[in-house]
Amino acid sequence: MTQRVMLLDDENGAQMLGAGMGRSRRMIHSAESFPLLALSLGIFAFVDLTAGGTWFKSNWFTIQLMSGDAWQITGGDAFLGFSMILLFVELIRATHTGGDSIINHALSAVVFIVALLLFCTRPGFGNSTFFLFMSMTLLDFMAGFIITAVSARRDTMFMPGGM
């Protein structure tokens, strides 16, 4: 009596377990390649269009410090803090290599180009808050490619003697 054992990998397993499983795996891979700073860009554009061009200057809340100073948090401060958290996650994701990371880096370049065009051409986007956000998109784009290149170089081994 012989026994058959099947090992399932990502592609074959999705086919063997059914079409629904394959779709969910593709959605996970798509989510991994989506640049998170595109979410911040969308939020800034949406809030700017709906709330007007000065929302980032308005005081959202104040924190009284032990020194007696009052720390005023504006909409722009909150937006940049949220975007910095997303940038941190993006930099961690940049350490992974593979096809999804290359797509992520390419889409991050698109996010930077869109942010640059908005900064230069659209009213409501030419301010320091958006400039700092645009700088984060550039950092995400550049760091992603550099980290991937360094990781790939480290993973590549050359045999002495040309074998």
N, C-alpha and C. Protein backbone atom coordinates (compact mmCIF):
# COMPACT_ATOMS: atom_id res chain seq x y z
N MET A 1 0.84 -1.17 0.00
CA MET A 1 0.00 0.00 0.00
C MET A 1 0.89 1.24 0.00
N THR A 2 0.62 2.12 -0.94
CA THR A 2 1.40 3.34 -1.03
C THR A 2 0.58 4.51 -0.54
N GLN A 3 1.29 5.47 0.01
CA GLN A 3 0.63 6.65 0.55
C GLN A 3 1.11 7.86 -0.23
N ARG A 4 0.20 8.72 -0.58
CA ARG A 4 0.56 9.93 -1.31
C ARG A 4 0.52 11.12 -0.35
N VAL A 5 1.56 11.91 -0.44
CA VAL A 5 1.64 13.12 0.37
C VAL A 5 1.79 14.29 -0.59
N MET A 6 0.96 15.30 -0.44
CA MET A 6 1.05 16.48 -1.28
C MET A 6 1.50 17.66 -0.45
N LEU A 7 2.48 18.35 -0.97
CA LEU A 7 2.92 19.59 -0.36
C LEU A 7 2.32 20.74 -1.16
N LEU A 8 1.73 21.67 -0.47
CA LEU A 8 1.07 22.78 -1.13
C LEU A 8 1.94 24.03 -1.02
N ASP A 9 2.24 24.63 -2.16
CA ASP A 9 2.89 25.93 -2.12
C ASP A 9 1.85 26.99 -2.43
N ASP A 10 2.26 28.24 -2.53
CA ASP A 10 1.29 29.33 -2.70
C ASP A 10 0.42 29.16 -3.93
N GLU A 11 1.04 28.92 -5.09
CA GLU A 11 0.26 28.88 -6.32
C GLU A 11 -0.53 27.58 -6.43
N ASN A 12 0.13 26.43 -6.23
CA ASN A 12 -0.57 25.16 -6.37
C ASN A 12 -1.60 24.97 -5.28
N GLY A 13 -1.28 25.42 -4.09
CA GLY A 13 -2.22 25.28 -2.98
C GLY A 13 -3.48 26.07 -3.22
N ALA A 14 -3.33 27.24 -3.78
CA ALA A 14 -4.51 28.05 -4.06
C ALA A 14 -5.39 27.36 -5.09
N GLN A 15 -4.77 26.69 -6.07
CA GLN A 15 -5.57 26.00 -7.08
C GLN A 15 -6.22 24.76 -6.48
N MET A 16 -5.53 24.05 -5.62
CA MET A 16 -6.07 22.82 -5.08
C MET A 16 -7.12 23.08 -4.02
N LEU A 17 -6.99 24.16 -3.28
CA LEU A 17 -7.94 24.44 -2.21
C LEU A 17 -9.17 25.20 -2.71
N GLY A 18 -9.16 25.62 -3.95
CA GLY A 18 -10.34 26.28 -4.50
C GLY A 18 -10.04 27.69 -4.93
N ALA A 19 -10.90 28.20 -5.76
CA ALA A 19 -10.69 29.53 -6.33
C ALA A 19 -10.77 30.63 -5.28
N GLY A 20 -11.59 30.44 -4.26
CA GLY A 20 -11.73 31.46 -3.22
C GLY A 20 -10.43 31.70 -2.49
N MET A 21 -9.71 30.65 -2.21
CA MET A 21 -8.42 30.77 -1.53
C MET A 21 -7.42 31.50 -2.41
N GLY A 22 -7.44 31.23 -3.71
CA GLY A 22 -6.52 31.89 -4.63
C GLY A 22 -6.76 33.39 -4.67
N ARG A 23 -8.02 33.78 -4.68
CA ARG A 23 -8.34 35.20 -4.70
C ARG A 23 -7.88 35.89 -3.43
N SER A 24 -8.06 35.26 -2.28
CA SER A 24 -7.65 35.89 -1.04
C SER A 24 -6.14 36.04 -0.97
N ARG A 25 -5.40 35.07 -1.48
CA ARG A 25 -3.93 35.20 -1.50
C ARG A 25 -3.49 36.31 -2.43
N ARG A 26 -4.16 36.46 -3.59
CA ARG A 26 -3.82 37.55 -4.50
C ARG A 26 -4.12 38.89 -3.85
N MET A 27 -5.21 38.98 -3.09
CA MET A 27 -5.56 40.23 -2.43
C MET A 27 -4.52 40.58 -1.37
N ILE A 28 -4.01 39.58 -0.67
CA ILE A 28 -2.97 39.82 0.33
C ILE A 28 -1.72 40.32 -0.36
N HIS A 29 -1.33 39.70 -1.48
CA HIS A 29 -0.15 40.16 -2.21
C HIS A 29 -0.36 41.57 -2.75
N SER A 30 -1.56 41.89 -3.20
CA SER A 30 -1.85 43.24 -3.68
C SER A 30 -1.74 44.24 -2.55
N ALA A 31 -2.24 43.89 -1.37
CA ALA A 31 -2.16 44.79 -0.22
C ALA A 31 -0.71 45.01 0.20
N GLU A 32 0.13 44.01 0.06
CA GLU A 32 1.53 44.16 0.42
C GLU A 32 2.27 45.08 -0.53
N SER A 33 1.81 45.19 -1.76
CA SER A 33 2.50 46.05 -2.72
C SER A 33 1.91 47.47 -2.74
N PHE A 34 0.82 47.71 -2.02
CA PHE A 34 0.20 49.04 -1.98
C PHE A 34 1.01 49.96 -1.06
N PRO A 35 1.46 51.12 -1.56
CA PRO A 35 2.22 52.04 -0.69
C PRO A 35 1.29 52.74 0.30
N LEU A 36 1.61 52.63 1.57
CA LEU A 36 0.75 53.19 2.61
C LEU A 36 0.67 54.71 2.58
N LEU A 37 1.73 55.35 2.08
CA LEU A 37 1.70 56.81 2.03
C LEU A 37 0.70 57.31 0.98
N ALA A 38 0.25 56.44 0.08
CA ALA A 38 -0.82 56.82 -0.84
C ALA A 38 -2.11 57.06 -0.05
N LEU A 39 -2.28 56.33 1.04
CA LEU A 39 -3.43 56.54 1.92
C LEU A 39 -3.37 57.94 2.53
N SER A 40 -2.19 58.34 3.00
CA SER A 40 -2.03 59.69 3.56
C SER A 40 -2.29 60.76 2.51
N LEU A 41 -1.80 60.53 1.30
CA LEU A 41 -2.02 61.49 0.22
C LEU A 41 -3.51 61.64 -0.05
N GLY A 42 -4.22 60.54 -0.08
CA GLY A 42 -5.66 60.59 -0.30
C GLY A 42 -6.38 61.31 0.83
N ILE A 43 -5.95 61.07 2.05
CA ILE A 43 -6.57 61.75 3.21
C ILE A 43 -6.34 63.25 3.12
N PHE A 44 -5.11 63.66 2.82
CA PHE A 44 -4.81 65.10 2.73
C PHE A 44 -5.67 65.74 1.64
N ALA A 45 -5.72 65.10 0.47
CA ALA A 45 -6.50 65.67 -0.64
C ALA A 45 -7.97 65.75 -0.30
N PHE A 46 -8.52 64.70 0.32
CA PHE A 46 -9.93 64.68 0.68
C PHE A 46 -10.26 65.76 1.70
N VAL A 47 -9.46 65.85 2.75
CA VAL A 47 -9.71 66.84 3.80
C VAL A 47 -9.52 68.25 3.25
N ASP A 48 -8.52 68.44 2.39
CA ASP A 48 -8.28 69.76 1.82
C ASP A 48 -9.45 70.20 0.93
N LEU A 49 -10.01 69.26 0.18
CA LEU A 49 -11.13 69.60 -0.70
C LEU A 49 -12.42 69.83 0.07
N THR A 50 -12.60 69.10 1.16
CA THR A 50 -13.86 69.22 1.91
C THR A 50 -13.82 70.28 3.00
N ALA A 51 -12.69 70.42 3.68
CA ALA A 51 -12.62 71.33 4.84
C ALA A 51 -12.01 72.68 4.50
N GLY A 52 -11.51 72.84 3.31
CA GLY A 52 -10.88 74.11 2.97
C GLY A 52 -9.38 74.05 3.19
N GLY A 53 -8.70 75.07 2.70
CA GLY A 53 -7.25 75.06 2.65
C GLY A 53 -6.52 75.37 3.94
N THR A 54 -7.22 75.69 5.02
CA THR A 54 -6.50 76.06 6.24
C THR A 54 -6.70 75.07 7.37
N TRP A 55 -7.23 73.88 7.09
CA TRP A 55 -7.48 72.89 8.15
C TRP A 55 -6.20 72.49 8.86
N PHE A 56 -5.07 72.48 8.14
CA PHE A 56 -3.82 72.03 8.74
C PHE A 56 -3.23 73.07 9.69
N LYS A 57 -3.73 74.30 9.64
CA LYS A 57 -3.26 75.34 10.55
C LYS A 57 -4.11 75.46 11.80
N SER A 58 -5.32 74.89 11.76
CA SER A 58 -6.24 75.06 12.89
C SER A 58 -5.80 74.19 14.08
N ASN A 59 -6.01 74.73 15.26
CA ASN A 59 -5.64 74.05 16.50
C ASN A 59 -6.67 72.95 16.79
N TRP A 60 -6.21 71.70 16.87
CA TRP A 60 -7.12 70.57 17.15
C TRP A 60 -7.29 70.38 18.65
N PHE A 61 -6.18 70.40 19.36
CA PHE A 61 -6.25 70.31 20.82
C PHE A 61 -4.94 70.80 21.41
N THR A 62 -4.97 71.05 22.72
CA THR A 62 -3.80 71.58 23.42
C THR A 62 -3.47 70.65 24.59
N ILE A 63 -2.19 70.39 24.78
CA ILE A 63 -1.72 69.57 25.89
C ILE A 63 -0.90 70.48 26.81
N GLN A 64 -1.30 70.51 28.06
CA GLN A 64 -0.58 71.32 29.04
C GLN A 64 0.61 70.51 29.55
N LEU A 65 1.82 71.02 29.38
CA LEU A 65 3.03 70.32 29.79
C LEU A 65 3.42 70.70 31.22
N MET A 66 4.24 69.87 31.85
CA MET A 66 4.68 70.13 33.23
C MET A 66 5.47 71.43 33.33
N SER A 67 6.11 71.82 32.23
CA SER A 67 6.90 73.04 32.24
C SER A 67 6.03 74.29 32.28
N GLY A 68 4.75 74.12 32.05
CA GLY A 68 3.85 75.26 32.00
C GLY A 68 3.53 75.66 30.57
N ASP A 69 4.29 75.15 29.61
CA ASP A 69 4.01 75.43 28.20
C ASP A 69 2.75 74.71 27.75
N ALA A 70 2.09 75.31 26.79
CA ALA A 70 0.91 74.68 26.18
C ALA A 70 1.31 74.22 24.78
N TRP A 71 1.27 72.91 24.56
CA TRP A 71 1.62 72.33 23.27
C TRP A 71 0.36 72.26 22.43
N GLN A 72 0.33 73.07 21.38
CA GLN A 72 -0.85 73.12 20.52
C GLN A 72 -0.65 72.19 19.33
N ILE A 73 -1.53 71.22 19.19
CA ILE A 73 -1.48 70.26 18.10
C ILE A 73 -2.43 70.74 17.01
N THR A 74 -1.89 71.00 15.83
CA THR A 74 -2.71 71.43 14.70
C THR A 74 -3.08 70.23 13.84
N GLY A 75 -3.95 70.44 12.89
CA GLY A 75 -4.33 69.38 11.96
C GLY A 75 -3.14 68.89 11.16
N GLY A 76 -2.26 69.81 10.78
CA GLY A 76 -1.05 69.43 10.05
C GLY A 76 -0.11 68.58 10.89
N ASP A 77 0.00 68.91 12.18
CA ASP A 77 0.83 68.11 13.09
C ASP A 77 0.29 66.69 13.20
N ALA A 78 -1.02 66.56 13.36
CA ALA A 78 -1.64 65.24 13.47
C ALA A 78 -1.47 64.46 12.17
N PHE A 79 -1.63 65.13 11.04
CA PHE A 79 -1.46 64.48 9.74
C PHE A 79 -0.03 63.98 9.57
N LEU A 80 0.95 64.81 9.91
CA LEU A 80 2.35 64.40 9.77
C LEU A 80 2.70 63.26 10.73
N GLY A 81 2.16 63.29 11.94
CA GLY A 81 2.40 62.20 12.89
C GLY A 81 1.86 60.88 12.36
N PHE A 82 0.64 60.89 11.83
CA PHE A 82 0.05 59.70 11.23
C PHE A 82 0.87 59.23 10.04
N SER A 83 1.30 60.16 9.20
CA SER A 83 2.10 59.80 8.02
C SER A 83 3.46 59.23 8.41
N MET A 84 4.03 59.72 9.51
CA MET A 84 5.33 59.19 9.95
C MET A 84 5.18 57.75 10.44
N ILE A 85 4.07 57.43 11.05
CA ILE A 85 3.83 56.04 11.46
C ILE A 85 3.74 55.14 10.23
N LEU A 86 3.03 55.61 9.20
CA LEU A 86 2.94 54.84 7.96
C LEU A 86 4.30 54.73 7.28
N LEU A 87 5.11 55.79 7.33
CA LEU A 87 6.45 55.74 6.75
C LEU A 87 7.30 54.70 7.48
N PHE A 88 7.18 54.62 8.79
CA PHE A 88 7.92 53.61 9.56
C PHE A 88 7.55 52.21 9.10
N VAL A 89 6.26 51.95 8.91
CA VAL A 89 5.81 50.64 8.44
C VAL A 89 6.34 50.38 7.03
N GLU A 90 6.34 51.40 6.19
CA GLU A 90 6.86 51.25 4.82
C GLU A 90 8.35 50.90 4.84
N LEU A 91 9.11 51.52 5.73
CA LEU A 91 10.54 51.23 5.79
C LEU A 91 10.79 49.80 6.27
N ILE A 92 9.96 49.32 7.17
CA ILE A 92 10.09 47.92 7.60
C ILE A 92 9.74 46.99 6.44
N ARG A 93 8.67 47.33 5.71
CA ARG A 93 8.28 46.51 4.56
C ARG A 93 9.33 46.52 3.46
N ALA A 94 10.14 47.58 3.40
CA ALA A 94 11.16 47.69 2.36
C ALA A 94 12.27 46.66 2.54
N THR A 95 12.39 46.09 3.72
CA THR A 95 13.45 45.11 3.95
C THR A 95 13.14 43.75 3.32
N HIS A 96 11.89 43.54 2.91
CA HIS A 96 11.52 42.29 2.26
C HIS A 96 11.88 42.37 0.78
N THR A 97 12.35 41.27 0.24
CA THR A 97 12.66 41.23 -1.17
C THR A 97 11.62 40.38 -1.89
N GLY A 98 11.49 40.61 -3.17
CA GLY A 98 10.55 39.84 -3.97
C GLY A 98 9.79 40.73 -4.93
N GLY A 99 8.93 40.11 -5.70
CA GLY A 99 8.17 40.83 -6.71
C GLY A 99 7.25 41.88 -6.13
N ASP A 100 6.63 41.58 -5.00
CA ASP A 100 5.71 42.54 -4.38
C ASP A 100 6.45 43.80 -3.92
N SER A 101 7.68 43.63 -3.43
CA SER A 101 8.42 44.81 -2.97
C SER A 101 8.82 45.70 -4.14
N ILE A 102 9.14 45.12 -5.28
CA ILE A 102 9.48 45.92 -6.46
C ILE A 102 8.26 46.73 -6.91
N ILE A 103 7.10 46.09 -6.91
CA ILE A 103 5.86 46.80 -7.27
C ILE A 103 5.60 47.91 -6.26
N ASN A 104 5.81 47.64 -4.98
CA ASN A 104 5.63 48.66 -3.94
C ASN A 104 6.54 49.85 -4.19
N HIS A 105 7.81 49.61 -4.54
CA HIS A 105 8.75 50.70 -4.77
C HIS A 105 8.34 51.52 -5.99
N ALA A 106 7.87 50.84 -7.04
CA ALA A 106 7.42 51.56 -8.23
C ALA A 106 6.20 52.41 -7.92
N LEU A 107 5.27 51.87 -7.16
CA LEU A 107 4.08 52.64 -6.78
C LEU A 107 4.44 53.79 -5.83
N SER A 108 5.46 53.58 -5.00
CA SER A 108 5.93 54.67 -4.13
C SER A 108 6.49 55.81 -4.96
N ALA A 109 7.17 55.48 -6.06
CA ALA A 109 7.66 56.52 -6.97
C ALA A 109 6.49 57.29 -7.57
N VAL A 110 5.41 56.60 -7.91
CA VAL A 110 4.23 57.26 -8.46
C VAL A 110 3.61 58.19 -7.40
N VAL A 111 3.56 57.74 -6.15
CA VAL A 111 3.02 58.58 -5.07
C VAL A 111 3.86 59.84 -4.92
N PHE A 112 5.18 59.70 -4.98
CA PHE A 112 6.05 60.88 -4.88
C PHE A 112 5.80 61.84 -6.04
N ILE A 113 5.70 61.32 -7.25
CA ILE A 113 5.49 62.18 -8.42
C ILE A 113 4.14 62.91 -8.32
N VAL A 114 3.11 62.20 -7.89
CA VAL A 114 1.79 62.84 -7.72
C VAL A 114 1.88 63.92 -6.65
N ALA A 115 2.54 63.62 -5.54
CA ALA A 115 2.69 64.63 -4.47
C ALA A 115 3.47 65.84 -4.97
N LEU A 116 4.52 65.62 -5.73
CA LEU A 116 5.32 66.73 -6.26
C LEU A 116 4.48 67.59 -7.20
N LEU A 117 3.70 66.94 -8.07
CA LEU A 117 2.84 67.69 -8.99
C LEU A 117 1.77 68.48 -8.24
N LEU A 118 1.17 67.87 -7.22
CA LEU A 118 0.17 68.59 -6.42
C LEU A 118 0.80 69.78 -5.71
N PHE A 119 1.99 69.59 -5.16
CA PHE A 119 2.68 70.66 -4.43
C PHE A 119 2.95 71.85 -5.36
N CYS A 120 3.38 71.56 -6.58
CA CYS A 120 3.77 72.62 -7.51
C CYS A 120 2.60 73.27 -8.24
N THR A 121 1.50 72.55 -8.42
CA THR A 121 0.48 73.05 -9.34
C THR A 121 -0.89 73.34 -8.71
N ARG A 122 -1.24 72.75 -7.58
CA ARG A 122 -2.59 72.88 -7.05
C ARG A 122 -2.63 73.79 -5.82
N PRO A 123 -3.60 74.69 -5.78
CA PRO A 123 -3.76 75.51 -4.57
C PRO A 123 -4.19 74.63 -3.39
N GLY A 124 -3.69 74.97 -2.22
CA GLY A 124 -4.00 74.21 -1.01
C GLY A 124 -2.93 73.17 -0.68
N PHE A 125 -2.04 72.89 -1.64
CA PHE A 125 -1.00 71.90 -1.40
C PHE A 125 0.39 72.54 -1.26
N GLY A 126 0.51 73.81 -1.55
CA GLY A 126 1.80 74.50 -1.46
C GLY A 126 2.03 75.06 -0.07
N ASN A 127 2.27 74.19 0.89
CA ASN A 127 2.52 74.64 2.27
C ASN A 127 3.57 73.72 2.90
N SER A 128 4.05 74.12 4.05
CA SER A 128 5.12 73.36 4.71
C SER A 128 4.66 71.97 5.13
N THR A 129 3.42 71.84 5.56
CA THR A 129 2.92 70.53 5.97
C THR A 129 2.97 69.56 4.81
N PHE A 130 2.48 69.97 3.65
CA PHE A 130 2.49 69.08 2.50
C PHE A 130 3.90 68.88 1.98
N PHE A 131 4.77 69.90 2.08
CA PHE A 131 6.15 69.73 1.67
C PHE A 131 6.85 68.66 2.51
N LEU A 132 6.62 68.68 3.82
CA LEU A 132 7.22 67.65 4.67
C LEU A 132 6.67 66.27 4.33
N PHE A 133 5.36 66.19 4.04
CA PHE A 133 4.79 64.93 3.62
C PHE A 133 5.41 64.46 2.30
N MET A 134 5.56 65.39 1.35
CA MET A 134 6.17 65.05 0.07
C MET A 134 7.61 64.55 0.28
N SER A 135 8.31 65.13 1.22
CA SER A 135 9.67 64.66 1.55
C SER A 135 9.63 63.23 2.08
N MET A 136 8.60 62.89 2.85
CA MET A 136 8.45 61.51 3.34
C MET A 136 8.23 60.55 2.18
N THR A 137 7.46 60.97 1.18
CA THR A 137 7.24 60.08 0.03
C THR A 137 8.53 59.87 -0.73
N LEU A 138 9.37 60.91 -0.83
CA LEU A 138 10.68 60.75 -1.47
C LEU A 138 11.56 59.82 -0.67
N LEU A 139 11.55 59.97 0.65
CA LEU A 139 12.34 59.09 1.51
C LEU A 139 11.89 57.65 1.37
N ASP A 140 10.58 57.41 1.33
CA ASP A 140 10.05 56.07 1.16
C ASP A 140 10.53 55.47 -0.17
N PHE A 141 10.41 56.24 -1.23
CA PHE A 141 10.82 55.78 -2.55
C PHE A 141 12.31 55.45 -2.60
N MET A 142 13.15 56.37 -2.14
CA MET A 142 14.60 56.17 -2.21
C MET A 142 15.06 55.06 -1.27
N ALA A 143 14.57 55.06 -0.04
CA ALA A 143 14.99 54.05 0.93
C ALA A 143 14.56 52.67 0.48
N GLY A 144 13.38 52.55 -0.09
CA GLY A 144 12.91 51.25 -0.56
C GLY A 144 13.84 50.64 -1.59
N PHE A 145 14.21 51.43 -2.59
CA PHE A 145 15.11 50.91 -3.62
C PHE A 145 16.50 50.63 -3.06
N ILE A 146 17.01 51.50 -2.21
CA ILE A 146 18.36 51.30 -1.66
C ILE A 146 18.39 50.07 -0.76
N ILE A 147 17.41 49.92 0.11
CA ILE A 147 17.38 48.76 1.01
C ILE A 147 17.24 47.48 0.21
N THR A 148 16.40 47.47 -0.82
CA THR A 148 16.23 46.28 -1.65
C THR A 148 17.53 45.95 -2.38
N ALA A 149 18.21 46.96 -2.91
CA ALA A 149 19.47 46.72 -3.62
C ALA A 149 20.53 46.16 -2.69
N VAL A 150 20.65 46.72 -1.50
CA VAL A 150 21.65 46.24 -0.54
C VAL A 150 21.31 44.81 -0.09
N SER A 151 20.04 44.55 0.16
CA SER A 151 19.62 43.20 0.57
C SER A 151 19.89 42.19 -0.55
N ALA A 152 19.59 42.58 -1.77
CA ALA A 152 19.82 41.67 -2.89
C ALA A 152 21.30 41.40 -3.09
N ARG A 153 22.13 42.42 -2.92
CA ARG A 153 23.58 42.24 -3.07
C ARG A 153 24.10 41.30 -1.99
N ARG A 154 23.59 41.45 -0.77
CA ARG A 154 24.03 40.61 0.33
C ARG A 154 23.59 39.16 0.12
N ASP A 155 22.41 38.98 -0.49
CA ASP A 155 21.89 37.63 -0.72
C ASP A 155 22.58 36.93 -1.89
N THR A 156 23.23 37.69 -2.75
CA THR A 156 23.90 37.11 -3.92
C THR A 156 25.29 36.67 -3.53
N MET A 157 25.60 35.43 -3.84
CA MET A 157 26.94 34.91 -3.54
C MET A 157 27.66 34.62 -4.84
N PHE A 158 28.90 35.01 -4.91
CA PHE A 158 29.73 34.74 -6.07
C PHE A 158 30.72 33.65 -5.71
N MET A 159 30.85 32.70 -6.59
CA MET A 159 31.78 31.60 -6.37
C MET A 159 33.16 32.02 -6.89
N PRO A 160 34.23 31.81 -6.11
CA PRO A 160 35.57 32.13 -6.61
C PRO A 160 35.94 31.15 -7.73
N GLY A 161 36.65 31.65 -8.71
CA GLY A 161 37.12 30.79 -9.79
C GLY A 161 36.10 30.70 -10.93
N GLY A 162 34.99 31.43 -10.87
CA GLY A 162 34.03 31.47 -11.94
C GLY A 162 33.22 30.21 -12.13
N MET A 163 32.92 29.45 -11.09
CA MET A 163 32.14 28.22 -11.25
C MET A 163 30.73 28.51 -11.57
